[in-house]
Amino acid sequence: MMGPDADPGAVSWFPAIFGFVFLVLAVWANIQILRKAGRSAWWALLMLFPLAYFIGVWIFAFSRWPREDQVASARDSFRSGDQFRR
């Protein structure tokens, strides 16, 4: 509570709660992106260490994604007609 009678040493819980909610949502969004890219969700913990996170994003951007291999094998399977053979 702010005002002339407020204790200057009192802690406002709003910034702490807001920061925690923001952190949880940011980690959740990173986990969803990593899963969609075919990576382990544990990589989202790099977000807690900004320099490591930057390096991790840099590596992911220029490396071959596991999802690309899955799509390529499915495409090759479809082109060869393996899905119609029994």
Protein backbone atom coordinates (compact mmCIF):
# COMPACT_ATOMS: atom_id res chain seq x y z
CA MET A 1 0.00 0.00 0.00
CA MET A 2 1.48 3.29 -1.04
CA GLY A 3 0.85 6.57 0.68
CA PRO A 4 2.24 8.81 3.37
CA ASP A 5 1.58 6.22 6.09
CA ALA A 6 3.17 3.28 4.20
CA ASP A 7 6.15 1.55 5.72
CA PRO A 8 9.16 2.24 3.44
CA GLY A 9 10.55 -1.23 4.21
CA ALA A 10 7.33 -3.03 3.27
CA VAL A 11 7.57 -5.42 0.37
CA SER A 12 5.02 -5.24 -2.39
CA TRP A 13 4.10 -8.74 -3.52
CA PHE A 14 2.69 -7.63 -6.87
CA PRO A 15 6.05 -7.39 -8.71
CA ALA A 16 7.15 -10.76 -7.32
CA ILE A 17 3.92 -12.49 -8.35
CA PHE A 18 3.93 -10.77 -11.75
CA GLY A 19 7.56 -11.79 -12.33
CA PHE A 20 6.87 -15.40 -11.35
CA VAL A 21 3.84 -15.65 -13.64
CA PHE A 22 5.84 -14.13 -16.50
CA LEU A 23 8.69 -16.60 -15.90
CA VAL A 24 6.32 -19.59 -15.88
CA LEU A 25 4.63 -18.46 -19.10
CA ALA A 26 7.97 -17.82 -20.81
CA VAL A 27 9.30 -21.26 -19.85
CA TRP A 28 6.03 -22.88 -21.02
CA ALA A 29 6.25 -21.10 -24.39
CA ASN A 30 9.86 -22.21 -24.82
CA ILE A 31 8.94 -25.80 -24.00
CA GLN A 32 6.19 -25.76 -26.65
CA ILE A 33 8.57 -24.37 -29.27
CA LEU A 34 11.28 -26.88 -28.41
CA ARG A 35 8.86 -29.81 -28.57
CA LYS A 36 7.55 -28.67 -31.93
CA ALA A 37 11.13 -28.47 -33.21
CA GLY A 38 11.85 -32.00 -31.95
CA ARG A 39 14.16 -30.97 -29.10
CA SER A 40 14.07 -31.94 -25.45
CA ALA A 41 12.00 -29.68 -23.20
CA TRP A 42 14.89 -29.58 -20.73
CA TRP A 43 16.62 -27.07 -23.01
CA ALA A 44 14.06 -24.50 -21.83
CA LEU A 45 15.94 -24.28 -18.53
CA LEU A 46 18.70 -22.47 -20.39
CA MET A 47 16.38 -19.48 -20.31
CA LEU A 48 17.33 -18.99 -16.66
CA PHE A 49 20.92 -18.25 -17.74
CA PRO A 50 20.85 -15.52 -20.40
CA LEU A 51 24.31 -16.12 -21.92
CA ALA A 52 23.76 -19.88 -22.12
CA TYR A 53 20.29 -19.27 -23.59
CA PHE A 54 21.72 -16.99 -26.28
CA ILE A 55 24.35 -19.59 -27.19
CA GLY A 56 21.71 -22.37 -27.21
CA VAL A 57 19.41 -20.41 -29.53
CA TRP A 58 22.37 -19.68 -31.80
CA ILE A 59 23.24 -23.39 -31.97
CA PHE A 60 19.62 -24.41 -32.61
CA ALA A 61 19.25 -21.84 -35.37
CA PHE A 62 22.18 -23.20 -37.38
CA SER A 63 22.00 -26.93 -36.65
CA ARG A 64 19.92 -29.60 -38.32
CA TRP A 65 16.63 -30.02 -36.48
CA PRO A 66 15.46 -33.53 -35.52
CA ARG A 67 11.99 -32.77 -36.92
CA GLU A 68 13.52 -32.26 -40.39
CA ASP A 69 14.79 -35.86 -40.37
CA GLN A 70 11.33 -37.17 -39.43
CA VAL A 71 9.68 -35.15 -42.19
CA ALA A 72 12.27 -36.28 -44.75
CA SER A 73 11.81 -39.96 -43.88
CA ALA A 74 8.01 -39.62 -44.04
CA ARG A 75 8.29 -37.86 -47.39
CA ASP A 76 10.55 -40.61 -48.77
CA SER A 77 8.18 -43.27 -47.48
CA PHE A 78 5.25 -41.55 -49.16
CA ARG A 79 7.08 -41.14 -52.46
CA SER A 80 8.11 -44.79 -52.56
CA GLY A 81 4.55 -45.93 -51.91
CA ASP A 82 5.41 -47.90 -48.76
CA GLN A 83 2.22 -46.78 -47.03
CA PHE A 84 0.10 -48.68 -49.58
CA ARG A 85 1.97 -51.98 -49.32
CA ARG A 86 0.75 -54.60 -46.87
